Amino acid sequence: MSLPQRLQVVERVVLSAGLDPYLSIEALSQYAPISTRQIRNLLTDPVRPLPHFRFGRRVAVRRSDFDSWAAVHRQVGVDVMGQIERLQGRRRRRRVTRASP
């Protein structure tokens, strides 16, 4: 094999990784079901502020930062039926113990 055959010039690079764009407040409100007012409140929240960048008066939030922030603050629903069954079981046991001498 000669040297020119082993070396090839790459004319184009195709990235298969997804992009991580910066979103404006308006774009973020379309990406997530949150109003622009609520997003502005989250930026300055003293307990759990939303990570963001300020470019002068403009605010940008990286999509991956928002996704990570939202995952940390995710709230899982309560198992209502399980709680009802546990409470009913407790009430039944209490009634039984009170009724017996």
Protein backbone atom coordinates (compact mmCIF):
# COMPACT_ATOMS: atom_id res chain seq x y z
CA MET A 1 0.00 0.00 0.00
CA SER A 2 1.38 3.32 -0.89
CA LEU A 3 1.15 6.37 1.33
CA PRO A 4 -1.49 8.25 -0.72
CA GLN A 5 -3.85 5.25 -0.59
CA ARG A 6 -3.73 5.01 3.21
CA LEU A 7 -4.35 8.72 3.80
CA GLN A 8 -7.72 10.11 2.92
CA VAL A 9 -8.93 13.63 3.18
CA VAL A 10 -12.13 14.05 5.10
CA GLU A 11 -14.34 16.49 3.26
CA ARG A 12 -17.27 16.45 5.63
CA VAL A 13 -17.85 15.62 9.28
CA VAL A 14 -21.24 14.42 10.40
CA LEU A 15 -21.95 14.66 14.10
CA SER A 16 -24.32 12.05 15.41
CA ALA A 17 -24.51 13.50 18.90
CA GLY A 18 -27.56 15.61 19.65
CA LEU A 19 -27.09 19.32 20.01
CA ASP A 20 -27.42 21.06 23.36
CA PRO A 21 -28.91 24.42 22.40
CA TYR A 22 -29.33 27.50 24.53
CA LEU A 23 -32.98 28.39 24.92
CA SER A 24 -34.40 31.82 25.52
CA ILE A 25 -37.10 32.18 28.15
CA GLU A 26 -39.75 32.16 25.43
CA ALA A 27 -38.28 29.04 23.78
CA LEU A 28 -38.02 27.31 27.16
CA SER A 29 -41.68 28.07 27.85
CA GLN A 30 -42.54 26.28 24.60
CA TYR A 31 -40.19 23.37 25.40
CA ALA A 32 -41.61 22.87 28.90
CA PRO A 33 -45.17 23.59 29.97
CA ILE A 34 -44.13 26.56 32.14
CA SER A 35 -45.11 30.19 31.65
CA THR A 36 -42.45 32.82 31.05
CA ARG A 37 -43.35 34.46 34.36
CA GLN A 38 -42.79 31.20 36.24
CA ILE A 39 -39.45 30.69 34.46
CA ARG A 40 -38.33 34.17 35.52
CA ASN A 41 -39.32 33.33 39.10
CA LEU A 42 -37.34 30.07 38.92
CA LEU A 43 -34.21 31.93 37.77
CA THR A 44 -34.13 33.88 41.05
CA ASP A 45 -35.52 31.22 43.38
CA PRO A 46 -33.39 31.33 46.57
CA VAL A 47 -33.81 27.62 47.33
CA ARG A 48 -33.51 25.93 43.94
CA PRO A 49 -32.57 28.42 41.20
CA LEU A 50 -32.68 27.36 37.58
CA PRO A 51 -29.14 27.44 36.10
CA HIS A 52 -28.87 30.06 33.37
CA PHE A 53 -26.57 32.46 31.55
CA ARG A 54 -27.01 36.20 31.22
CA PHE A 55 -25.77 37.97 28.11
CA GLY A 56 -26.50 41.57 28.93
CA ARG A 57 -30.27 41.72 29.33
CA ARG A 58 -30.82 38.41 27.56
CA VAL A 59 -31.18 35.17 29.50
CA ALA A 60 -30.37 31.76 28.07
CA VAL A 61 -30.84 28.32 29.59
CA ARG A 62 -29.01 25.29 28.24
CA ARG A 63 -31.54 22.55 27.49
CA SER A 64 -29.48 19.86 29.25
CA ASP A 65 -29.19 22.09 32.34
CA PHE A 66 -32.96 22.50 32.43
CA ASP A 67 -33.51 18.76 31.97
CA SER A 68 -31.07 17.97 34.81
CA TRP A 69 -32.64 20.61 37.06
CA ALA A 70 -36.13 19.30 36.35
CA ALA A 71 -35.06 15.70 37.03
CA VAL A 72 -33.67 16.66 40.44
CA HIS A 73 -36.87 18.49 41.35
CA ARG A 74 -39.20 15.83 40.00
CA GLN A 75 -42.03 14.92 42.33
CA VAL A 76 -43.44 11.43 42.17
CA GLY A 77 -47.16 11.03 42.67
CA VAL A 78 -48.50 9.52 45.83
CA ASP A 79 -49.89 5.99 45.83
CA VAL A 80 -53.36 7.03 46.99
CA MET A 81 -54.90 3.56 46.83
CA GLY A 82 -52.05 2.08 48.85
CA GLN A 83 -52.44 4.76 51.51
CA ILE A 84 -56.20 4.17 51.72
CA GLU A 85 -55.70 0.42 52.10
CA ARG A 86 -53.10 0.95 54.85
CA LEU A 87 -55.35 3.38 56.69
CA GLN A 88 -58.34 1.03 56.44
CA GLY A 89 -56.18 -1.83 57.73
CA ARG A 90 -55.10 0.28 60.72
CA ARG A 91 -58.70 1.20 61.51
CA ARG A 92 -59.80 -2.42 61.35
CA ARG A 93 -57.01 -3.49 63.70
CA ARG A 94 -57.84 -0.70 66.14
CA ARG A 95 -61.52 -1.65 66.20
CA VAL A 96 -60.70 -5.29 66.77
CA THR A 97 -58.30 -4.54 69.63
CA ARG A 98 -60.78 -2.20 71.30
CA ALA A 99 -63.69 -4.61 71.05
CA SER A 100 -61.86 -7.55 72.62
CA PRO A 101 -61.44 -7.51 76.45
